[in-house]
Full PDB file with SEQRES, HELIX, SHEET, SSBOND, CRYST1, ORIGX, SCALE, CONECT and MASTER records, all heavy atoms in Angstrom:
SEQRES   1 A   35  PRO VAL ALA ALA GLU PRO VAL THR ALA GLU PRO LEU TRP          
SEQRES   2 A   35  LEU VAL ALA ALA ASN VAL VAL ARG TRP ARG ARG TYR GLY          
SEQRES   3 A   35  ASP GLY GLY GLN GLU LEU ARG PRO GLY                          
HELIX    1 AA1 ASP A   27  GLY A   29  5                                   3    
SHEET    1 AA1 2 TRP A  22  TYR A  25  0                                        
SHEET    2 AA1 2 GLU A  31  PRO A  34 -1                                        
CRYST1    1.000    1.000    1.000  90.00  90.00  90.00 P 1           1          
ORIGX1      1.000000  0.000000  0.000000        0.00000                         
ORIGX2      0.000000  1.000000  0.000000        0.00000                         
ORIGX3      0.000000  0.000000  1.000000        0.00000                         
SCALE1      1.000000  0.000000  0.000000        0.00000                         
SCALE2      0.000000  1.000000  0.000000        0.00000                         
SCALE3      0.000000  0.000000  1.000000        0.00000                         
ATOM      1  N   PRO A   1      -3.240  20.664  31.645  1.00  0.00           N  
ATOM      2  CA  PRO A   1      -3.226  20.446  30.191  1.00  0.00           C  
ATOM      3  C   PRO A   1      -1.915  19.792  29.762  1.00  0.00           C  
ATOM      4  O   PRO A   1      -0.843  20.151  30.224  1.00  0.00           O  
ATOM      5  CB  PRO A   1      -3.371  21.843  29.602  1.00  0.00           C  
ATOM      6  CG  PRO A   1      -3.103  22.792  30.711  1.00  0.00           C  
ATOM      7  CD  PRO A   1      -3.313  22.052  32.004  1.00  0.00           C  
ATOM      8  N   VAL A   2      -2.048  18.824  28.894  1.00  0.00           N  
ATOM      9  CA  VAL A   2      -0.885  18.101  28.392  1.00  0.00           C  
ATOM     10  C   VAL A   2      -0.369  18.821  27.161  1.00  0.00           C  
ATOM     11  O   VAL A   2      -1.124  19.134  26.247  1.00  0.00           O  
ATOM     12  CB  VAL A   2      -1.259  16.640  28.042  1.00  0.00           C  
ATOM     13  CG1 VAL A   2      -0.071  15.912  27.471  1.00  0.00           C  
ATOM     14  CG2 VAL A   2      -1.800  15.948  29.266  1.00  0.00           C  
ATOM     15  N   ALA A   3       0.906  19.084  27.158  1.00  0.00           N  
ATOM     16  CA  ALA A   3       1.503  19.733  25.987  1.00  0.00           C  
ATOM     17  C   ALA A   3       1.512  18.751  24.828  1.00  0.00           C  
ATOM     18  O   ALA A   3       1.880  17.594  24.985  1.00  0.00           O  
ATOM     19  CB  ALA A   3       2.927  20.192  26.296  1.00  0.00           C  
ATOM     20  N   ALA A   4       1.079  19.222  23.698  1.00  0.00           N  
ATOM     21  CA  ALA A   4       1.029  18.365  22.508  1.00  0.00           C  
ATOM     22  C   ALA A   4       2.422  18.285  21.900  1.00  0.00           C  
ATOM     23  O   ALA A   4       2.792  19.060  21.037  1.00  0.00           O  
ATOM     24  CB  ALA A   4       0.032  18.908  21.505  1.00  0.00           C  
ATOM     25  N   GLU A   5       3.199  17.337  22.375  1.00  0.00           N  
ATOM     26  CA  GLU A   5       4.536  17.142  21.848  1.00  0.00           C  
ATOM     27  C   GLU A   5       4.481  16.116  20.733  1.00  0.00           C  
ATOM     28  O   GLU A   5       3.753  15.130  20.824  1.00  0.00           O  
ATOM     29  CB  GLU A   5       5.473  16.651  22.952  1.00  0.00           C  
ATOM     30  CG  GLU A   5       5.680  17.656  24.054  1.00  0.00           C  
ATOM     31  CD  GLU A   5       6.646  17.134  25.097  1.00  0.00           C  
ATOM     32  OE1 GLU A   5       7.471  16.263  24.766  1.00  0.00           O  
ATOM     33  OE2 GLU A   5       6.559  17.605  26.233  1.00  0.00           O  
ATOM     34  N   PRO A   6       5.241  16.333  19.688  1.00  0.00           N  
ATOM     35  CA  PRO A   6       5.238  15.341  18.616  1.00  0.00           C  
ATOM     36  C   PRO A   6       5.839  14.027  19.099  1.00  0.00           C  
ATOM     37  O   PRO A   6       6.806  14.010  19.839  1.00  0.00           O  
ATOM     38  CB  PRO A   6       6.109  15.978  17.526  1.00  0.00           C  
ATOM     39  CG  PRO A   6       6.943  16.985  18.248  1.00  0.00           C  
ATOM     40  CD  PRO A   6       6.131  17.440  19.439  1.00  0.00           C  
ATOM     41  N   VAL A   7       5.210  12.958  18.677  1.00  0.00           N  
ATOM     42  CA  VAL A   7       5.704  11.635  19.051  1.00  0.00           C  
ATOM     43  C   VAL A   7       6.886  11.302  18.154  1.00  0.00           C  
ATOM     44  O   VAL A   7       6.785  11.324  16.935  1.00  0.00           O  
ATOM     45  CB  VAL A   7       4.587  10.580  18.882  1.00  0.00           C  
ATOM     46  CG1 VAL A   7       5.112   9.209  19.216  1.00  0.00           C  
ATOM     47  CG2 VAL A   7       3.398  10.947  19.728  1.00  0.00           C  
ATOM     48  N   THR A   8       8.001  11.010  18.760  1.00  0.00           N  
ATOM     49  CA  THR A   8       9.185  10.668  17.977  1.00  0.00           C  
ATOM     50  C   THR A   8       9.466   9.177  18.134  1.00  0.00           C  
ATOM     51  O   THR A   8      10.318   8.765  18.896  1.00  0.00           O  
ATOM     52  CB  THR A   8      10.409  11.486  18.429  1.00  0.00           C  
ATOM     53  OG1 THR A   8      10.585  11.257  19.825  1.00  0.00           O  
ATOM     54  CG2 THR A   8      10.215  12.966  18.156  1.00  0.00           C  
ATOM     55  N   ALA A   9       8.692   8.399  17.423  1.00  0.00           N  
ATOM     56  CA  ALA A   9       8.862   6.944  17.481  1.00  0.00           C  
ATOM     57  C   ALA A   9      10.032   6.548  16.591  1.00  0.00           C  
ATOM     58  O   ALA A   9      10.359   7.220  15.610  1.00  0.00           O  
ATOM     59  CB  ALA A   9       7.599   6.254  17.018  1.00  0.00           C  
ATOM     60  N   GLU A  10      10.659   5.466  16.950  1.00  0.00           N  
ATOM     61  CA  GLU A  10      11.737   4.927  16.135  1.00  0.00           C  
ATOM     62  C   GLU A  10      11.152   4.450  14.804  1.00  0.00           C  
ATOM     63  O   GLU A  10      10.067   3.884  14.764  1.00  0.00           O  
ATOM     64  CB  GLU A  10      12.396   3.754  16.856  1.00  0.00           C  
ATOM     65  CG  GLU A  10      13.205   4.159  18.050  1.00  0.00           C  
ATOM     66  CD  GLU A  10      14.448   4.933  17.664  1.00  0.00           C  
ATOM     67  OE1 GLU A  10      15.111   4.555  16.678  1.00  0.00           O  
ATOM     68  OE2 GLU A  10      14.734   5.931  18.340  1.00  0.00           O  
ATOM     69  N   PRO A  11      11.877   4.663  13.716  1.00  0.00           N  
ATOM     70  CA  PRO A  11      11.369   4.163  12.436  1.00  0.00           C  
ATOM     71  C   PRO A  11      11.377   2.642  12.429  1.00  0.00           C  
ATOM     72  O   PRO A  11      12.173   2.002  13.113  1.00  0.00           O  
ATOM     73  CB  PRO A  11      12.350   4.727  11.421  1.00  0.00           C  
ATOM     74  CG  PRO A  11      13.604   4.944  12.186  1.00  0.00           C  
ATOM     75  CD  PRO A  11      13.173   5.308  13.581  1.00  0.00           C  
ATOM     76  N   LEU A  12      10.489   2.091  11.657  1.00  0.00           N  
ATOM     77  CA  LEU A  12      10.383   0.648  11.526  1.00  0.00           C  
ATOM     78  C   LEU A  12      10.732   0.297  10.086  1.00  0.00           C  
ATOM     79  O   LEU A  12      10.242   0.935   9.151  1.00  0.00           O  
ATOM     80  CB  LEU A  12       8.954   0.214  11.846  1.00  0.00           C  
ATOM     81  CG  LEU A  12       8.629  -1.250  11.805  1.00  0.00           C  
ATOM     82  CD1 LEU A  12       9.437  -1.989  12.866  1.00  0.00           C  
ATOM     83  CD2 LEU A  12       7.152  -1.456  12.061  1.00  0.00           C  
ATOM     84  N   TRP A  13      11.595  -0.670   9.896  1.00  0.00           N  
ATOM     85  CA  TRP A  13      11.971  -1.083   8.550  1.00  0.00           C  
ATOM     86  C   TRP A  13      10.942  -2.076   8.034  1.00  0.00           C  
ATOM     87  O   TRP A  13      10.749  -3.127   8.615  1.00  0.00           O  
ATOM     88  CB  TRP A  13      13.364  -1.694   8.525  1.00  0.00           C  
ATOM     89  CG  TRP A  13      14.420  -0.648   8.560  1.00  0.00           C  
ATOM     90  CD1 TRP A  13      15.053  -0.164   9.655  1.00  0.00           C  
ATOM     91  CD2 TRP A  13      14.936   0.070   7.447  1.00  0.00           C  
ATOM     92  NE1 TRP A  13      15.934   0.809   9.294  1.00  0.00           N  
ATOM     93  CE2 TRP A  13      15.891   0.974   7.933  1.00  0.00           C  
ATOM     94  CE3 TRP A  13      14.693   0.038   6.076  1.00  0.00           C  
ATOM     95  CZ2 TRP A  13      16.588   1.838   7.110  1.00  0.00           C  
ATOM     96  CZ3 TRP A  13      15.401   0.889   5.256  1.00  0.00           C  
ATOM     97  CH2 TRP A  13      16.333   1.780   5.765  1.00  0.00           C  
ATOM     98  N   LEU A  14      10.252  -1.706   6.961  1.00  0.00           N  
ATOM     99  CA  LEU A  14       9.274  -2.570   6.312  1.00  0.00           C  
ATOM    100  C   LEU A  14       9.618  -2.675   4.833  1.00  0.00           C  
ATOM    101  O   LEU A  14      10.449  -1.932   4.326  1.00  0.00           O  
ATOM    102  CB  LEU A  14       7.858  -1.994   6.457  1.00  0.00           C  
ATOM    103  CG  LEU A  14       7.281  -1.902   7.857  1.00  0.00           C  
ATOM    104  CD1 LEU A  14       5.930  -1.218   7.818  1.00  0.00           C  
ATOM    105  CD2 LEU A  14       7.159  -3.276   8.482  1.00  0.00           C  
ATOM    106  N   VAL A  15       8.939  -3.565   4.168  1.00  0.00           N  
ATOM    107  CA  VAL A  15       9.080  -3.693   2.724  1.00  0.00           C  
ATOM    108  C   VAL A  15       7.930  -2.926   2.088  1.00  0.00           C  
ATOM    109  O   VAL A  15       6.768  -3.143   2.429  1.00  0.00           O  
ATOM    110  CB  VAL A  15       9.040  -5.177   2.289  1.00  0.00           C  
ATOM    111  CG1 VAL A  15       9.065  -5.288   0.773  1.00  0.00           C  
ATOM    112  CG2 VAL A  15      10.200  -5.928   2.900  1.00  0.00           C  
ATOM    113  N   ALA A  16       8.258  -2.007   1.196  1.00  0.00           N  
ATOM    114  CA  ALA A  16       7.237  -1.272   0.449  1.00  0.00           C  
ATOM    115  C   ALA A  16       7.138  -1.886  -0.940  1.00  0.00           C  
ATOM    116  O   ALA A  16       8.105  -2.458  -1.457  1.00  0.00           O  
ATOM    117  CB  ALA A  16       7.597   0.196   0.353  1.00  0.00           C  
ATOM    118  N   ALA A  17       5.960  -1.762  -1.534  1.00  0.00           N  
ATOM    119  CA  ALA A  17       5.740  -2.265  -2.890  1.00  0.00           C  
ATOM    120  C   ALA A  17       4.651  -1.419  -3.534  1.00  0.00           C  
ATOM    121  O   ALA A  17       3.983  -0.632  -2.860  1.00  0.00           O  
ATOM    122  CB  ALA A  17       5.322  -3.734  -2.866  1.00  0.00           C  
ATOM    123  N   ASN A  18       4.486  -1.584  -4.827  1.00  0.00           N  
ATOM    124  CA  ASN A  18       3.420  -0.908  -5.544  1.00  0.00           C  
ATOM    125  C   ASN A  18       2.446  -1.938  -6.084  1.00  0.00           C  
ATOM    126  O   ASN A  18       2.843  -3.033  -6.479  1.00  0.00           O  
ATOM    127  CB  ASN A  18       3.982  -0.076  -6.695  1.00  0.00           C  
ATOM    128  CG  ASN A  18       4.816   1.069  -6.187  1.00  0.00           C  
ATOM    129  OD1 ASN A  18       6.014   0.925  -6.041  1.00  0.00           O  
ATOM    130  ND2 ASN A  18       4.192   2.180  -5.890  1.00  0.00           N  
ATOM    131  N   VAL A  19       1.177  -1.547  -6.132  1.00  0.00           N  
ATOM    132  CA  VAL A  19       0.136  -2.410  -6.689  1.00  0.00           C  
ATOM    133  C   VAL A  19       0.242  -2.342  -8.208  1.00  0.00           C  
ATOM    134  O   VAL A  19       0.500  -1.269  -8.778  1.00  0.00           O  
ATOM    135  CB  VAL A  19      -1.260  -1.929  -6.224  1.00  0.00           C  
ATOM    136  CG1 VAL A  19      -2.368  -2.758  -6.845  1.00  0.00           C  
ATOM    137  CG2 VAL A  19      -1.350  -1.962  -4.708  1.00  0.00           C  
ATOM    138  N   VAL A  20       0.076  -3.478  -8.878  1.00  0.00           N  
ATOM    139  CA  VAL A  20       0.151  -3.488 -10.342  1.00  0.00           C  
ATOM    140  C   VAL A  20      -0.920  -2.568 -10.919  1.00  0.00           C  
ATOM    141  O   VAL A  20      -2.026  -2.471 -10.377  1.00  0.00           O  
ATOM    142  CB  VAL A  20       0.007  -4.917 -10.921  1.00  0.00           C  
ATOM    143  CG1 VAL A  20       1.179  -5.788 -10.529  1.00  0.00           C  
ATOM    144  CG2 VAL A  20      -1.299  -5.563 -10.503  1.00  0.00           C  
ATOM    145  N   ARG A  21      -0.587  -1.863 -11.988  1.00  0.00           N  
ATOM    146  CA  ARG A  21      -1.554  -0.927 -12.586  1.00  0.00           C  
ATOM    147  C   ARG A  21      -2.748  -1.675 -13.192  1.00  0.00           C  
ATOM    148  O   ARG A  21      -3.871  -1.249 -13.064  1.00  0.00           O  
ATOM    149  CB  ARG A  21      -0.877  -0.071 -13.634  1.00  0.00           C  
ATOM    150  CG  ARG A  21       0.172   0.824 -13.036  1.00  0.00           C  
ATOM    151  CD  ARG A  21       0.158   2.185 -13.682  1.00  0.00           C  
ATOM    152  NE  ARG A  21       1.136   3.028 -13.041  1.00  0.00           N  
ATOM    153  CZ  ARG A  21       0.825   3.944 -12.129  1.00  0.00           C  
ATOM    154  NH1 ARG A  21      -0.412   4.126 -11.774  1.00  0.00           N  
ATOM    155  NH2 ARG A  21       1.773   4.675 -11.592  1.00  0.00           N  
ATOM    156  N   TRP A  22      -2.476  -2.767 -13.887  1.00  0.00           N  
ATOM    157  CA  TRP A  22      -3.528  -3.586 -14.486  1.00  0.00           C  
ATOM    158  C   TRP A  22      -3.264  -5.038 -14.145  1.00  0.00           C  
ATOM    159  O   TRP A  22      -2.127  -5.493 -14.165  1.00  0.00           O  
ATOM    160  CB  TRP A  22      -3.538  -3.424 -16.017  1.00  0.00           C  
ATOM    161  CG  TRP A  22      -3.884  -2.050 -16.443  1.00  0.00           C  
ATOM    162  CD1 TRP A  22      -3.031  -1.028 -16.711  1.00  0.00           C  
ATOM    163  CD2 TRP A  22      -5.193  -1.531 -16.641  1.00  0.00           C  
ATOM    164  NE1 TRP A  22      -3.718   0.091 -17.058  1.00  0.00           N  
ATOM    165  CE2 TRP A  22      -5.057  -0.191 -17.031  1.00  0.00           C  
ATOM    166  CE3 TRP A  22      -6.475  -2.077 -16.538  1.00  0.00           C  
ATOM    167  CZ2 TRP A  22      -6.149   0.625 -17.314  1.00  0.00           C  
ATOM    168  CZ3 TRP A  22      -7.568  -1.270 -16.819  1.00  0.00           C  
ATOM    169  CH2 TRP A  22      -7.400   0.069 -17.201  1.00  0.00           C  
ATOM    170  N   ARG A  23      -4.319  -5.766 -13.852  1.00  0.00           N  
ATOM    171  CA  ARG A  23      -4.174  -7.193 -13.571  1.00  0.00           C  
ATOM    172  C   ARG A  23      -5.158  -7.954 -14.434  1.00  0.00           C  
ATOM    173  O   ARG A  23      -6.246  -7.461 -14.764  1.00  0.00           O  
ATOM    174  CB  ARG A  23      -4.414  -7.501 -12.096  1.00  0.00           C  
ATOM    175  CG  ARG A  23      -5.819  -7.219 -11.628  1.00  0.00           C  
ATOM    176  CD  ARG A  23      -5.971  -7.432 -10.148  1.00  0.00           C  
ATOM    177  NE  ARG A  23      -7.249  -6.908  -9.711  1.00  0.00           N  
ATOM    178  CZ  ARG A  23      -8.377  -7.597  -9.620  1.00  0.00           C  
ATOM    179  NH1 ARG A  23      -8.367  -8.887  -9.901  1.00  0.00           N  
ATOM    180  NH2 ARG A  23      -9.495  -7.031  -9.233  1.00  0.00           N  
ATOM    181  N   ARG A  24      -4.754  -9.154 -14.800  1.00  0.00           N  
ATOM    182  CA  ARG A  24      -5.624 -10.023 -15.607  1.00  0.00           C  
ATOM    183  C   ARG A  24      -6.734 -10.560 -14.716  1.00  0.00           C  
ATOM    184  O   ARG A  24      -6.547 -10.788 -13.521  1.00  0.00           O  
ATOM    185  CB  ARG A  24      -4.811 -11.139 -16.216  1.00  0.00           C  
ATOM    186  CG  ARG A  24      -3.790 -10.604 -17.213  1.00  0.00           C  
ATOM    187  CD  ARG A  24      -2.874 -11.660 -17.700  1.00  0.00           C  
ATOM    188  NE  ARG A  24      -3.603 -12.657 -18.486  1.00  0.00           N  
ATOM    189  CZ  ARG A  24      -3.041 -13.744 -18.986  1.00  0.00           C  
ATOM    190  NH1 ARG A  24      -1.762 -13.977 -18.792  1.00  0.00           N  
ATOM    191  NH2 ARG A  24      -3.764 -14.599 -19.668  1.00  0.00           N  
ATOM    192  N   TYR A  25      -7.893 -10.800 -15.307  1.00  0.00           N  
ATOM    193  CA  TYR A  25      -9.059 -11.172 -14.542  1.00  0.00           C  
ATOM    194  C   TYR A  25     -10.005 -11.965 -15.441  1.00  0.00           C  
ATOM    195  O   TYR A  25      -9.955 -11.858 -16.658  1.00  0.00           O  
ATOM    196  CB  TYR A  25      -9.757  -9.875 -14.051  1.00  0.00           C  
ATOM    197  CG  TYR A  25     -10.978 -10.101 -13.228  1.00  0.00           C  
ATOM    198  CD1 TYR A  25     -10.884 -10.392 -11.876  1.00  0.00           C  
ATOM    199  CD2 TYR A  25     -12.247 -10.019 -13.788  1.00  0.00           C  
ATOM    200  CE1 TYR A  25     -12.003 -10.598 -11.111  1.00  0.00           C  
ATOM    201  CE2 TYR A  25     -13.375 -10.221 -13.028  1.00  0.00           C  
ATOM    202  CZ  TYR A  25     -13.249 -10.503 -11.691  1.00  0.00           C  
ATOM    203  OH  TYR A  25     -14.364 -10.706 -10.924  1.00  0.00           O  
ATOM    204  N   GLY A  26     -10.880 -12.753 -14.839  1.00  0.00           N  
ATOM    205  CA  GLY A  26     -11.941 -13.424 -15.591  1.00  0.00           C  
ATOM    206  C   GLY A  26     -11.518 -14.740 -16.200  1.00  0.00           C  
ATOM    207  O   GLY A  26     -10.468 -15.297 -15.890  1.00  0.00           O  
ATOM    208  N   ASP A  27     -12.360 -15.255 -17.111  1.00  0.00           N  
ATOM    209  CA  ASP A  27     -12.102 -16.537 -17.765  1.00  0.00           C  
ATOM    210  C   ASP A  27     -10.840 -16.469 -18.601  1.00  0.00           C  
ATOM    211  O   ASP A  27     -10.752 -15.704 -19.562  1.00  0.00           O  
ATOM    212  CB  ASP A  27     -13.283 -16.933 -18.660  1.00  0.00           C  
ATOM    213  CG  ASP A  27     -14.532 -17.258 -17.866  1.00  0.00           C  
ATOM    214  OD1 ASP A  27     -14.378 -17.691 -16.710  1.00  0.00           O  
ATOM    215  OD2 ASP A  27     -15.648 -17.065 -18.389  1.00  0.00           O  
ATOM    216  N   GLY A  28      -9.851 -17.268 -18.212  1.00  0.00           N  
ATOM    217  CA  GLY A  28      -8.603 -17.331 -18.957  1.00  0.00           C  
ATOM    218  C   GLY A  28      -7.785 -16.052 -18.888  1.00  0.00           C  
ATOM    219  O   GLY A  28      -6.882 -15.866 -19.690  1.00  0.00           O  
ATOM    220  N   GLY A  29      -8.115 -15.142 -17.992  1.00  0.00           N  
ATOM    221  CA  GLY A  29      -7.347 -13.902 -17.854  1.00  0.00           C  
ATOM    222  C   GLY A  29      -7.507 -12.962 -19.028  1.00  0.00           C  
ATOM    223  O   GLY A  29      -6.612 -12.181 -19.339  1.00  0.00           O  
ATOM    224  N   GLN A  30      -8.667 -13.025 -19.702  1.00  0.00           N  
ATOM    225  CA  GLN A  30      -8.864 -12.215 -20.898  1.00  0.00           C  
ATOM    226  C   GLN A  30      -9.390 -10.811 -20.600  1.00  0.00           C  
ATOM    227  O   GLN A  30      -9.472  -9.987 -21.499  1.00  0.00           O  
ATOM    228  CB  GLN A  30      -9.811 -12.936 -21.860  1.00  0.00           C  
ATOM    229  CG  GLN A  30      -9.229 -14.223 -22.408  1.00  0.00           C  
ATOM    230  CD  GLN A  30      -7.916 -13.978 -23.137  1.00  0.00           C  
ATOM    231  OE1 GLN A  30      -7.848 -13.197 -24.070  1.00  0.00           O  
ATOM    232  NE2 GLN A  30      -6.854 -14.637 -22.689  1.00  0.00           N  
ATOM    233  N   GLU A  31      -9.742 -10.529 -19.356  1.00  0.00           N  
ATOM    234  CA  GLU A  31     -10.173  -9.183 -18.974  1.00  0.00           C  
ATOM    235  C   GLU A  31      -9.051  -8.525 -18.180  1.00  0.00           C  
ATOM    236  O   GLU A  31      -8.232  -9.200 -17.568  1.00  0.00           O  
ATOM    237  CB  GLU A  31     -11.422  -9.245 -18.098  1.00  0.00           C  
ATOM    238  CG  GLU A  31     -12.647  -9.801 -18.765  1.00  0.00           C  
ATOM    239  CD  GLU A  31     -13.822  -9.824 -17.805  1.00  0.00           C  
ATOM    240  OE1 GLU A  31     -14.038  -8.808 -17.114  1.00  0.00           O  
ATOM    241  OE2 GLU A  31     -14.498 -10.853 -17.739  1.00  0.00           O  
ATOM    242  N   LEU A  32      -9.044  -7.215 -18.193  1.00  0.00           N  
ATOM    243  CA  LEU A  32      -8.077  -6.464 -17.403  1.00  0.00           C  
ATOM    244  C   LEU A  32      -8.828  -5.559 -16.434  1.00  0.00           C  
ATOM    245  O   LEU A  32      -9.828  -4.951 -16.788  1.00  0.00           O  
ATOM    246  CB  LEU A  32      -7.184  -5.623 -18.303  1.00  0.00           C  
ATOM    247  CG  LEU A  32      -6.228  -6.402 -19.196  1.00  0.00           C  
ATOM    248  CD1 LEU A  32      -5.588  -5.485 -20.213  1.00  0.00           C  
ATOM    249  CD2 LEU A  32      -5.163  -7.069 -18.349  1.00  0.00           C  
ATOM    250  N   ARG A  33      -8.341  -5.489 -15.217  1.00  0.00           N  
ATOM    251  CA  ARG A  33      -8.920  -4.616 -14.200  1.00  0.00           C  
ATOM    252  C   ARG A  33      -7.815  -3.723 -13.646  1.00  0.00           C  
ATOM    253  O   ARG A  33      -6.692  -4.177 -13.447  1.00  0.00           O  
ATOM    254  CB  ARG A  33      -9.514  -5.442 -13.060  1.00  0.00           C  
ATOM    255  CG  ARG A  33     -10.682  -6.304 -13.477  1.00  0.00           C  
ATOM    256  CD  ARG A  33     -11.952  -5.765 -12.868  1.00  0.00           C  
ATOM    257  NE  ARG A  33     -13.115  -6.433 -13.406  1.00  0.00           N  
ATOM    258  CZ  ARG A  33     -13.966  -7.125 -12.680  1.00  0.00           C  
ATOM    259  NH1 ARG A  33     -13.768  -7.277 -11.390  1.00  0.00           N  
ATOM    260  NH2 ARG A  33     -15.028  -7.662 -13.234  1.00  0.00           N  
ATOM    261  N   PRO A  34      -8.135  -2.461 -13.363  1.00  0.00           N  
ATOM    262  CA  PRO A  34      -7.110  -1.578 -12.796  1.00  0.00           C  
ATOM    263  C   PRO A  34      -6.905  -1.859 -11.308  1.00  0.00           C  
ATOM    264  O   PRO A  34      -7.862  -1.931 -10.540  1.00  0.00           O  
ATOM    265  CB  PRO A  34      -7.686  -0.182 -13.012  1.00  0.00           C  
ATOM    266  CG  PRO A  34      -9.157  -0.395 -13.049  1.00  0.00           C  
ATOM    267  CD  PRO A  34      -9.376  -1.771 -13.626  1.00  0.00           C  
ATOM    268  N   GLY A  35      -5.668  -2.057 -10.899  1.00  0.00           N  
ATOM    269  CA  GLY A  35      -5.370  -2.276  -9.488  1.00  0.00           C  
ATOM    270  C   GLY A  35      -6.036  -3.515  -8.945  1.00  0.00           C  
ATOM    271  O   GLY A  35      -6.186  -4.524  -9.631  1.00  0.00           O  
TER     272      GLY A  35                                                      
MASTER        0    0    0    1    2    0    0    6  271    1    0    3          
END                                                                             
């Protein structure tokens, strides 16, 4: 049996961002959609 040891991988530096709460959509951007 293999002991379940936690994998300790090196951290990776990435860029995090957030999705816009509302985005314009449709003809001329007159509608709003969430995410």
